[in-house]
């Protein structure tokens, strides 16, 4: 095919030639710029994910002030239940008041010590207490129940109950209880 034949073909089929030329240009463009499609798809996905996140944030923000108030109240309630390590007198008074309300006898003193924390640094730490009490069986168990359900976060490490010589006024056995427990506290 000569140049004159090619020109005659183009004049005879101008639309078909133009379409073929456009297809060839599009194919070359797609071949040389195909990586841009993947990059643009990645950008589109990132922006779409960000838009979804923003939509979720806007939807959840309508009750945000009420949720903040609830969280602040829960934080204050949590802070009120913590033991402060430096306030020895208040901490001891907590146990003396419990023992006095229940009506049992405290053997020795209440001893407080801190537990060394291993692991990640935390704002909270356990505060260890050693207590020995003696009294009738129901009252000693009442102390354990009060400690467990009181407004402090309490965990019993060791509870040793031993029968004590003699009987209580109500006829029940006397017990000696040696307790080692932890209260959640802050330094």
C-alpha atoms as a PDB file:
ATOM      1  CA  UNK A   1       0.000   0.000   0.000  1.00  0.00           C
ATOM      2  CA  UNK A   2       1.441   3.318  -1.088  1.00  0.00           C
ATOM      3  CA  UNK A   3       1.026   6.725   0.401  1.00  0.00           C
ATOM      4  CA  UNK A   4      -1.457   7.729  -2.301  1.00  0.00           C
ATOM      5  CA  UNK A   5      -3.547   4.649  -1.550  1.00  0.00           C
ATOM      6  CA  UNK A   6      -3.472   5.486   2.195  1.00  0.00           C
ATOM      7  CA  UNK A   7      -4.586   9.078   1.563  1.00  0.00           C
ATOM      8  CA  UNK A   8      -7.370   7.822  -0.731  1.00  0.00           C
ATOM      9  CA  UNK A   9      -8.508   5.381   2.020  1.00  0.00           C
ATOM     10  CA  UNK A  10      -8.520   8.168   4.635  1.00  0.00           C
ATOM     11  CA  UNK A  11     -10.596  10.394   2.310  1.00  0.00           C
ATOM     12  CA  UNK A  12     -12.961   7.548   1.579  1.00  0.00           C
ATOM     13  CA  UNK A  13     -13.414   6.533   5.303  1.00  0.00           C
ATOM     14  CA  UNK A  14     -12.689   9.664   7.402  1.00  0.00           C
ATOM     15  CA  UNK A  15     -14.877   8.650  10.363  1.00  0.00           C
ATOM     16  CA  UNK A  16     -13.464   5.134  10.579  1.00  0.00           C
ATOM     17  CA  UNK A  17      -9.912   6.464  10.346  1.00  0.00           C
ATOM     18  CA  UNK A  18     -10.589   9.089  13.043  1.00  0.00           C
ATOM     19  CA  UNK A  19     -12.081   6.401  15.301  1.00  0.00           C
ATOM     20  CA  UNK A  20      -9.082   4.131  14.750  1.00  0.00           C
ATOM     21  CA  UNK A  21      -6.688   6.995  15.481  1.00  0.00           C
ATOM     22  CA  UNK A  22      -8.574   7.841  18.701  1.00  0.00           C
ATOM     23  CA  UNK A  23      -8.535   4.161  19.761  1.00  0.00           C
ATOM     24  CA  UNK A  24      -4.798   3.987  19.114  1.00  0.00           C
ATOM     25  CA  UNK A  25      -4.203   7.178  21.141  1.00  0.00           C
ATOM     26  CA  UNK A  26      -6.365   5.877  23.998  1.00  0.00           C
ATOM     27  CA  UNK A  27      -4.524   2.548  24.000  1.00  0.00           C
ATOM     28  CA  UNK A  28      -1.132   4.274  24.140  1.00  0.00           C
ATOM     29  CA  UNK A  29      -2.366   6.592  26.865  1.00  0.00           C
ATOM     30  CA  UNK A  30      -3.707   3.654  28.877  1.00  0.00           C
ATOM     31  CA  UNK A  31      -0.454   1.753  28.433  1.00  0.00           C
ATOM     32  CA  UNK A  32       1.828   4.602  29.495  1.00  0.00           C
ATOM     33  CA  UNK A  33      -0.425   6.089  32.203  1.00  0.00           C
ATOM     34  CA  UNK A  34      -1.958   2.864  33.640  1.00  0.00           C
ATOM     35  CA  UNK A  35      -0.170   3.290  36.992  1.00  0.00           C
ATOM     36  CA  UNK A  36      -2.050   6.531  37.606  1.00  0.00           C
ATOM     37  CA  UNK A  37      -5.313   4.584  37.802  1.00  0.00           C
ATOM     38  CA  UNK A  38      -4.033   2.535  40.751  1.00  0.00           C
ATOM     39  CA  UNK A  39      -2.728   5.661  42.503  1.00  0.00           C
ATOM     40  CA  UNK A  40      -6.008   7.489  41.953  1.00  0.00           C
ATOM     41  CA  UNK A  41      -7.958   4.479  43.241  1.00  0.00           C
ATOM     42  CA  UNK A  42      -5.807   4.446  46.382  1.00  0.00           C
ATOM     43  CA  UNK A  43      -6.391   8.174  46.941  1.00  0.00           C
ATOM     44  CA  UNK A  44     -10.126   7.671  46.370  1.00  0.00           C
ATOM     45  CA  UNK A  45     -10.238   4.825  48.921  1.00  0.00           C
ATOM     46  CA  UNK A  46      -8.380   6.904  51.520  1.00  0.00           C
ATOM     47  CA  UNK A  47     -10.676   9.889  51.050  1.00  0.00           C
ATOM     48  CA  UNK A  48     -13.735   7.648  51.108  1.00  0.00           C
ATOM     49  CA  UNK A  49     -12.599   6.057  54.397  1.00  0.00           C
ATOM     50  CA  UNK A  50     -11.943   9.500  55.887  1.00  0.00           C
ATOM     51  CA  UNK A  51     -15.378  10.694  54.759  1.00  0.00           C
ATOM     52  CA  UNK A  52     -17.007   7.639  56.362  1.00  0.00           C
ATOM     53  CA  UNK A  53     -15.114   8.304  59.583  1.00  0.00           C
ATOM     54  CA  UNK A  54     -16.168  11.944  59.581  1.00  0.00           C
ATOM     55  CA  UNK A  55     -19.790  10.948  58.942  1.00  0.00           C
ATOM     56  CA  UNK A  56     -19.659   8.524  61.869  1.00  0.00           C
ATOM     57  CA  UNK A  57     -18.111  11.204  64.106  1.00  0.00           C
ATOM     58  CA  UNK A  58     -20.817  13.702  63.151  1.00  0.00           C
ATOM     59  CA  UNK A  59     -23.538  11.101  63.781  1.00  0.00           C
ATOM     60  CA  UNK A  60     -22.072  10.166  67.190  1.00  0.00           C
ATOM     61  CA  UNK A  61     -21.408  13.763  68.234  1.00  0.00           C
ATOM     62  CA  UNK A  62     -25.065  14.603  68.758  1.00  0.00           C
ATOM     63  CA  UNK A  63     -25.056  13.090  72.302  1.00  0.00           C
ATOM     64  CA  UNK A  64     -21.447  13.912  73.053  1.00  0.00           C
ATOM     65  CA  UNK A  65     -22.083  16.422  75.846  1.00  0.00           C
ATOM     66  CA  UNK A  66     -24.345  13.952  77.664  1.00  0.00           C
ATOM     67  CA  UNK A  67     -21.777  11.184  77.238  1.00  0.00           C
ATOM     68  CA  UNK A  68     -19.011  13.458  78.564  1.00  0.00           C
ATOM     69  CA  UNK A  69     -21.115  14.258  81.625  1.00  0.00           C
ATOM     70  CA  UNK A  70     -21.726  10.538  82.250  1.00  0.00           C
ATOM     71  CA  UNK A  71     -18.002   9.752  81.892  1.00  0.00           C
ATOM     72  CA  UNK A  72     -17.037  12.602  84.223  1.00  0.00           C
ATOM     73  CA  UNK A  73     -19.518  11.384  86.832  1.00  0.00           C
ATOM     74  CA  UNK A  74     -18.152   7.844  86.521  1.00  0.00           C
ATOM     75  CA  UNK A  75     -14.604   9.191  86.903  1.00  0.00           C
ATOM     76  CA  UNK A  76     -15.534  11.104  90.055  1.00  0.00           C
ATOM     77  CA  UNK A  77     -17.257   8.008  91.453  1.00  0.00           C
ATOM     78  CA  UNK A  78     -14.138   5.952  90.712  1.00  0.00           C
ATOM     79  CA  UNK A  79     -11.880   8.530  92.357  1.00  0.00           C
ATOM     80  CA  UNK A  80     -14.065   8.514  95.480  1.00  0.00           C
ATOM     81  CA  UNK A  81     -13.606   4.732  95.810  1.00  0.00           C
ATOM     82  CA  UNK A  82      -9.787   4.859  95.692  1.00  0.00           C
ATOM     83  CA  UNK A  83      -7.449   4.759  98.668  1.00  0.00           C
ATOM     84  CA  UNK A  84      -4.735   7.408  98.857  1.00  0.00           C
ATOM     85  CA  UNK A  85      -1.500   5.814 100.056  1.00  0.00           C
ATOM     86  CA  UNK A  86      -0.299   8.960 101.829  1.00  0.00           C
ATOM     87  CA  UNK A  87      -3.472   9.316 103.950  1.00  0.00           C
ATOM     88  CA  UNK A  88      -2.672   6.669 106.551  1.00  0.00           C
ATOM     89  CA  UNK A  89      -5.032   7.998 109.220  1.00  0.00           C
ATOM     90  CA  UNK A  90      -8.057   7.951 106.896  1.00  0.00           C
ATOM     91  CA  UNK A  91      -7.166   4.504 105.606  1.00  0.00           C
ATOM     92  CA  UNK A  92      -6.821   3.059 109.083  1.00  0.00           C
ATOM     93  CA  UNK A  93     -10.015   4.783 110.216  1.00  0.00           C
ATOM     94  CA  UNK A  94     -11.883   2.950 107.431  1.00  0.00           C
ATOM     95  CA  UNK A  95     -10.976  -0.421 108.976  1.00  0.00           C
ATOM     96  CA  UNK A  96     -11.433   0.687 112.593  1.00  0.00           C
ATOM     97  CA  UNK A  97     -14.908   2.023 111.761  1.00  0.00           C
ATOM     98  CA  UNK A  98     -15.904  -1.242 110.035  1.00  0.00           C
ATOM     99  CA  UNK A  99     -14.700  -3.360 112.951  1.00  0.00           C
ATOM    100  CA  UNK A 100     -16.471  -1.091 115.446  1.00  0.00           C
ATOM    101  CA  UNK A 101     -19.772  -1.109 113.487  1.00  0.00           C
ATOM    102  CA  UNK A 102     -19.787  -4.896 113.237  1.00  0.00           C
ATOM    103  CA  UNK A 103     -18.853  -5.361 116.895  1.00  0.00           C
ATOM    104  CA  UNK A 104     -15.734  -7.508 116.714  1.00  0.00           C
ATOM    105  CA  UNK A 105     -12.336  -7.075 118.319  1.00  0.00           C
ATOM    106  CA  UNK A 106      -9.240  -6.013 116.417  1.00  0.00           C
ATOM    107  CA  UNK A 107      -6.108  -7.953 117.393  1.00  0.00           C
ATOM    108  CA  UNK A 108      -3.065  -5.774 116.923  1.00  0.00           C
ATOM    109  CA  UNK A 109      -2.802  -2.968 114.455  1.00  0.00           C
ATOM    110  CA  UNK A 110      -3.816  -2.557 110.865  1.00  0.00           C
ATOM    111  CA  UNK A 111      -0.679  -2.561 108.729  1.00  0.00           C
ATOM    112  CA  UNK A 112      -0.509  -0.825 105.366  1.00  0.00           C
ATOM    113  CA  UNK A 113       2.153  -1.373 102.715  1.00  0.00           C
ATOM    114  CA  UNK A 114       2.354  -0.820  98.994  1.00  0.00           C
ATOM    115  CA  UNK A 115       2.779  -3.598  96.501  1.00  0.00           C
ATOM    116  CA  UNK A 116       5.614  -3.096  94.020  1.00  0.00           C
ATOM    117  CA  UNK A 117       4.046  -2.857  90.578  1.00  0.00           C
ATOM    118  CA  UNK A 118       5.685  -4.894  87.863  1.00  0.00           C
ATOM    119  CA  UNK A 119       4.772  -4.231  84.290  1.00  0.00           C
ATOM    120  CA  UNK A 120       3.607  -1.062  82.611  1.00  0.00           C
ATOM    121  CA  UNK A 121       3.401   2.101  84.677  1.00  0.00           C
ATOM    122  CA  UNK A 122      -0.119   2.736  85.908  1.00  0.00           C
ATOM    123  CA  UNK A 123      -1.827   5.546  87.727  1.00  0.00           C
ATOM    124  CA  UNK A 124      -3.389   3.046  90.111  1.00  0.00           C
ATOM    125  CA  UNK A 125      -1.631   0.678  92.468  1.00  0.00           C
ATOM    126  CA  UNK A 126      -2.732  -1.913  94.991  1.00  0.00           C
ATOM    127  CA  UNK A 127      -2.341  -1.027  98.672  1.00  0.00           C
ATOM    128  CA  UNK A 128      -1.780  -4.053 100.909  1.00  0.00           C
ATOM    129  CA  UNK A 129      -3.349  -4.340 104.388  1.00  0.00           C
ATOM    130  CA  UNK A 130      -2.816  -6.943 107.109  1.00  0.00           C
ATOM    131  CA  UNK A 131      -5.583  -7.190 109.697  1.00  0.00           C
ATOM    132  CA  UNK A 132      -6.320  -9.623 112.524  1.00  0.00           C
ATOM    133  CA  UNK A 133      -9.762  -9.710 114.129  1.00  0.00           C
ATOM    134  CA  UNK A 134     -11.546 -11.954 116.571  1.00  0.00           C
ATOM    135  CA  UNK A 135     -15.234 -12.407 117.143  1.00  0.00           C
ATOM    136  CA  UNK A 136     -18.246 -14.644 116.659  1.00  0.00           C
ATOM    137  CA  UNK A 137     -18.458 -16.540 113.384  1.00  0.00           C
ATOM    138  CA  UNK A 138     -21.407 -14.557 111.917  1.00  0.00           C
ATOM    139  CA  UNK A 139     -19.785 -11.217 112.697  1.00  0.00           C
ATOM    140  CA  UNK A 140     -16.413 -12.209 111.206  1.00  0.00           C
ATOM    141  CA  UNK A 141     -18.175 -13.316 108.043  1.00  0.00           C
ATOM    142  CA  UNK A 142     -20.131 -10.056 108.159  1.00  0.00           C
ATOM    143  CA  UNK A 143     -16.836  -8.186 108.114  1.00  0.00           C
ATOM    144  CA  UNK A 144     -15.730 -10.117 105.049  1.00  0.00           C
ATOM    145  CA  UNK A 145     -19.021  -9.342 103.318  1.00  0.00           C
ATOM    146  CA  UNK A 146     -18.824  -5.656 104.207  1.00  0.00           C
ATOM    147  CA  UNK A 147     -15.269  -5.427 102.900  1.00  0.00           C
ATOM    148  CA  UNK A 148     -16.283  -7.182  99.714  1.00  0.00           C
ATOM    149  CA  UNK A 149     -19.344  -5.035  99.049  1.00  0.00           C
ATOM    150  CA  UNK A 150     -18.076  -1.726 100.448  1.00  0.00           C
ATOM    151  CA  UNK A 151     -17.395   1.354  98.378  1.00  0.00           C
ATOM    152  CA  UNK A 152     -13.697   0.456  98.012  1.00  0.00           C
ATOM    153  CA  UNK A 153     -12.248  -1.893  95.415  1.00  0.00           C
ATOM    154  CA  UNK A 154     -11.109  -4.818  97.559  1.00  0.00           C
ATOM    155  CA  UNK A 155      -9.331  -8.080  96.738  1.00  0.00           C
ATOM    156  CA  UNK A 156      -8.627 -10.711  99.375  1.00  0.00           C
ATOM    157  CA  UNK A 157      -5.198 -12.309  99.065  1.00  0.00           C
ATOM    158  CA  UNK A 158      -5.219 -14.477 102.188  1.00  0.00           C
ATOM    159  CA  UNK A 159      -8.027 -15.242 104.628  1.00  0.00           C
ATOM    160  CA  UNK A 160      -7.097 -17.521 107.522  1.00  0.00           C
ATOM    161  CA  UNK A 161      -9.878 -18.458 109.912  1.00  0.00           C
ATOM    162  CA  UNK A 162      -9.007 -20.352 113.068  1.00  0.00           C
ATOM    163  CA  UNK A 163     -11.248 -21.387 115.913  1.00  0.00           C
ATOM    164  CA  UNK A 164     -10.586 -19.433 119.068  1.00  0.00           C
ATOM    165  CA  UNK A 165     -10.999 -20.838 122.580  1.00  0.00           C
ATOM    166  CA  UNK A 166     -14.349 -20.079 124.140  1.00  0.00           C
ATOM    167  CA  UNK A 167     -17.795 -19.126 122.959  1.00  0.00           C
ATOM    168  CA  UNK A 168     -19.440 -15.832 122.154  1.00  0.00           C
ATOM    169  CA  UNK A 169     -22.391 -14.428 124.107  1.00  0.00           C
ATOM    170  CA  UNK A 170     -24.830 -15.760 121.515  1.00  0.00           C
ATOM    171  CA  UNK A 171     -23.346 -19.274 121.810  1.00  0.00           C
ATOM    172  CA  UNK A 172     -21.529 -19.256 118.461  1.00  0.00           C
ATOM    173  CA  UNK A 173     -17.868 -20.184 118.107  1.00  0.00           C
ATOM    174  CA  UNK A 174     -15.254 -17.482 118.372  1.00  0.00           C
ATOM    175  CA  UNK A 175     -12.982 -17.129 115.385  1.00  0.00           C
ATOM    176  CA  UNK A 176      -9.646 -15.473 114.810  1.00  0.00           C
ATOM    177  CA  UNK A 177      -9.345 -14.131 111.260  1.00  0.00           C
ATOM    178  CA  UNK A 178      -6.045 -13.046 109.736  1.00  0.00           C
ATOM    179  CA  UNK A 179      -6.741 -11.080 106.552  1.00  0.00           C
ATOM    180  CA  UNK A 180      -4.359  -9.933 103.880  1.00  0.00           C
ATOM    181  CA  UNK A 181      -6.186  -7.794 101.375  1.00  0.00           C
ATOM    182  CA  UNK A 182      -5.556  -5.157  98.734  1.00  0.00           C
ATOM    183  CA  UNK A 183      -7.467  -1.970  98.132  1.00  0.00           C
ATOM    184  CA  UNK A 184      -7.061  -0.133  94.857  1.00  0.00           C
ATOM    185  CA  UNK A 185      -5.340   3.162  95.407  1.00  0.00           C
ATOM    186  CA  UNK A 186      -3.277   5.996  94.045  1.00  0.00           C
ATOM    187  CA  UNK A 187       0.149   7.092  95.223  1.00  0.00           C
END
